Amino acid sequence: MATFKFELVSPERMLASANVAMVVVPGAEGDFGVLPGHAPLMSTIRPGIIEVYATEGSSPSARYEIEGGFAEVTPEGLTILAEAVTAI
């Protein structure tokens, strides 16, 4: 099973750092899913829910309510810089 590095960072601290199978992000232009090998991109994030999937075909292993921020996908993985986050 392929995975990639996911990091969720708030102004105060790192909230999550894990190897995951998929993350669904509430982008400014609409929700987008990030999988291993995703093309590099940067996007602003609108308020919404981030869903993290630890394994393929599973239910979300973690969910976070985010107030906004930025997402960056690189060959190394996905980093989300959040304005404010609450684990749900």
C-alpha atoms as a PDB file:
ATOM      1  CA  MET A   1       0.000   0.000   0.000  1.00  0.00           C
ATOM      2  CA  ALA A   2       1.413   3.377  -1.020  1.00  0.00           C
ATOM      3  CA  THR A   3       1.435   6.214   1.493  1.00  0.00           C
ATOM      4  CA  PHE A   4       2.752   9.765   1.718  1.00  0.00           C
ATOM      5  CA  LYS A   5       3.787  12.143   4.506  1.00  0.00           C
ATOM      6  CA  PHE A   6       0.982  14.359   5.915  1.00  0.00           C
ATOM      7  CA  GLU A   7       1.628  17.241   8.307  1.00  0.00           C
ATOM      8  CA  LEU A   8      -0.961  19.565   9.856  1.00  0.00           C
ATOM      9  CA  VAL A   9       0.525  22.663  11.469  1.00  0.00           C
ATOM     10  CA  SER A  10      -1.149  25.497  13.391  1.00  0.00           C
ATOM     11  CA  PRO A  11       0.533  28.732  14.522  1.00  0.00           C
ATOM     12  CA  GLU A  12       1.031  27.178  17.976  1.00  0.00           C
ATOM     13  CA  ARG A  13       2.272  23.661  17.168  1.00  0.00           C
ATOM     14  CA  MET A  14       2.306  20.641  14.875  1.00  0.00           C
ATOM     15  CA  LEU A  15      -1.045  18.881  15.258  1.00  0.00           C
ATOM     16  CA  ALA A  16      -0.451  15.804  13.115  1.00  0.00           C
ATOM     17  CA  SER A  17       2.412  14.088  11.340  1.00  0.00           C
ATOM     18  CA  ALA A  18       1.866  10.669   9.785  1.00  0.00           C
ATOM     19  CA  ASN A  19       2.154   8.527   6.690  1.00  0.00           C
ATOM     20  CA  VAL A  20      -1.334   8.241   5.203  1.00  0.00           C
ATOM     21  CA  ALA A  21      -3.118   6.811   2.138  1.00  0.00           C
ATOM     22  CA  MET A  22      -5.322   9.837   1.334  1.00  0.00           C
ATOM     23  CA  VAL A  23      -6.355  13.264   2.643  1.00  0.00           C
ATOM     24  CA  VAL A  24      -9.454  15.196   1.532  1.00  0.00           C
ATOM     25  CA  VAL A  25      -8.951  18.967   1.791  1.00  0.00           C
ATOM     26  CA  PRO A  26     -11.603  21.747   1.563  1.00  0.00           C
ATOM     27  CA  GLY A  27      -9.816  23.859  -1.052  1.00  0.00           C
ATOM     28  CA  ALA A  28     -10.942  27.351  -2.004  1.00  0.00           C
ATOM     29  CA  GLU A  29     -12.089  26.072  -5.424  1.00  0.00           C
ATOM     30  CA  GLY A  30     -13.693  22.903  -3.998  1.00  0.00           C
ATOM     31  CA  ASP A  31     -12.710  19.774  -2.100  1.00  0.00           C
ATOM     32  CA  PHE A  32      -9.726  17.852  -3.426  1.00  0.00           C
ATOM     33  CA  GLY A  33      -8.199  14.519  -2.502  1.00  0.00           C
ATOM     34  CA  VAL A  34      -4.465  13.992  -2.224  1.00  0.00           C
ATOM     35  CA  LEU A  35      -3.088  10.520  -2.950  1.00  0.00           C
ATOM     36  CA  PRO A  36       0.505   9.242  -3.203  1.00  0.00           C
ATOM     37  CA  GLY A  37       2.177  10.691  -6.303  1.00  0.00           C
ATOM     38  CA  HIS A  38      -0.174  13.695  -6.520  1.00  0.00           C
ATOM     39  CA  ALA A  39       1.014  16.538  -8.760  1.00  0.00           C
ATOM     40  CA  PRO A  40       2.608  19.450  -6.864  1.00  0.00           C
ATOM     41  CA  LEU A  41       0.218  22.296  -6.044  1.00  0.00           C
ATOM     42  CA  MET A  42      -0.566  25.071  -3.593  1.00  0.00           C
ATOM     43  CA  SER A  43      -4.099  26.037  -2.582  1.00  0.00           C
ATOM     44  CA  THR A  44      -5.846  28.219  -0.081  1.00  0.00           C
ATOM     45  CA  ILE A  45      -8.241  26.368   2.210  1.00  0.00           C
ATOM     46  CA  ARG A  46     -11.759  27.491   3.042  1.00  0.00           C
ATOM     47  CA  PRO A  47     -13.394  26.675   6.393  1.00  0.00           C
ATOM     48  CA  GLY A  48     -14.429  23.021   6.423  1.00  0.00           C
ATOM     49  CA  ILE A  49     -13.427  19.479   7.360  1.00  0.00           C
ATOM     50  CA  ILE A  50     -10.121  17.732   6.576  1.00  0.00           C
ATOM     51  CA  GLU A  51     -10.518  13.949   6.386  1.00  0.00           C
ATOM     52  CA  VAL A  52      -7.436  11.760   6.825  1.00  0.00           C
ATOM     53  CA  TYR A  53      -7.434   8.126   5.655  1.00  0.00           C
ATOM     54  CA  ALA A  54      -4.676   5.973   7.158  1.00  0.00           C
ATOM     55  CA  THR A  55      -5.317   3.059   4.772  1.00  0.00           C
ATOM     56  CA  GLU A  56      -6.967   2.587   1.389  1.00  0.00           C
ATOM     57  CA  GLY A  57     -10.695   1.840   1.432  1.00  0.00           C
ATOM     58  CA  SER A  58     -11.125   2.665   5.104  1.00  0.00           C
ATOM     59  CA  SER A  59     -13.226   5.198   6.953  1.00  0.00           C
ATOM     60  CA  PRO A  60     -11.463   8.426   7.919  1.00  0.00           C
ATOM     61  CA  SER A  61      -8.965   7.731  10.708  1.00  0.00           C
ATOM     62  CA  ALA A  62      -8.978  11.416  11.736  1.00  0.00           C
ATOM     63  CA  ARG A  63     -11.092  14.474  11.031  1.00  0.00           C
ATOM     64  CA  TYR A  64     -10.211  18.104  11.682  1.00  0.00           C
ATOM     65  CA  GLU A  65     -12.379  21.203  11.453  1.00  0.00           C
ATOM     66  CA  ILE A  66     -10.285  23.969   9.907  1.00  0.00           C
ATOM     67  CA  GLU A  67     -10.998  27.696   9.776  1.00  0.00           C
ATOM     68  CA  GLY A  68      -8.775  28.352   6.764  1.00  0.00           C
ATOM     69  CA  GLY A  69      -5.155  28.227   5.724  1.00  0.00           C
ATOM     70  CA  PHE A  70      -2.916  26.892   2.967  1.00  0.00           C
ATOM     71  CA  ALA A  71      -2.149  23.448   1.547  1.00  0.00           C
ATOM     72  CA  GLU A  72       1.061  22.535  -0.252  1.00  0.00           C
ATOM     73  CA  VAL A  73       1.571  19.255  -2.086  1.00  0.00           C
ATOM     74  CA  THR A  74       5.179  18.417  -2.959  1.00  0.00           C
ATOM     75  CA  PRO A  75       6.892  15.198  -3.998  1.00  0.00           C
ATOM     76  CA  GLU A  76       7.612  14.699  -0.261  1.00  0.00           C
ATOM     77  CA  GLY A  77       3.934  14.926   0.787  1.00  0.00           C
ATOM     78  CA  LEU A  78       1.158  17.269   1.950  1.00  0.00           C
ATOM     79  CA  THR A  79       1.617  20.088   4.439  1.00  0.00           C
ATOM     80  CA  ILE A  80      -1.350  22.096   5.699  1.00  0.00           C
ATOM     81  CA  LEU A  81      -0.737  25.409   7.451  1.00  0.00           C
ATOM     82  CA  ALA A  82      -3.943  26.112   9.369  1.00  0.00           C
ATOM     83  CA  GLU A  83      -5.240  29.347  10.858  1.00  0.00           C
ATOM     84  CA  ALA A  84      -7.204  27.419  13.507  1.00  0.00           C
ATOM     85  CA  VAL A  85      -7.959  23.703  13.853  1.00  0.00           C
ATOM     86  CA  THR A  86     -10.155  21.524  16.053  1.00  0.00           C
ATOM     87  CA  ALA A  87      -9.943  17.713  16.081  1.00  0.00           C
ATOM     88  CA  ILE A  88     -13.423  16.170  15.737  1.00  0.00           C
END
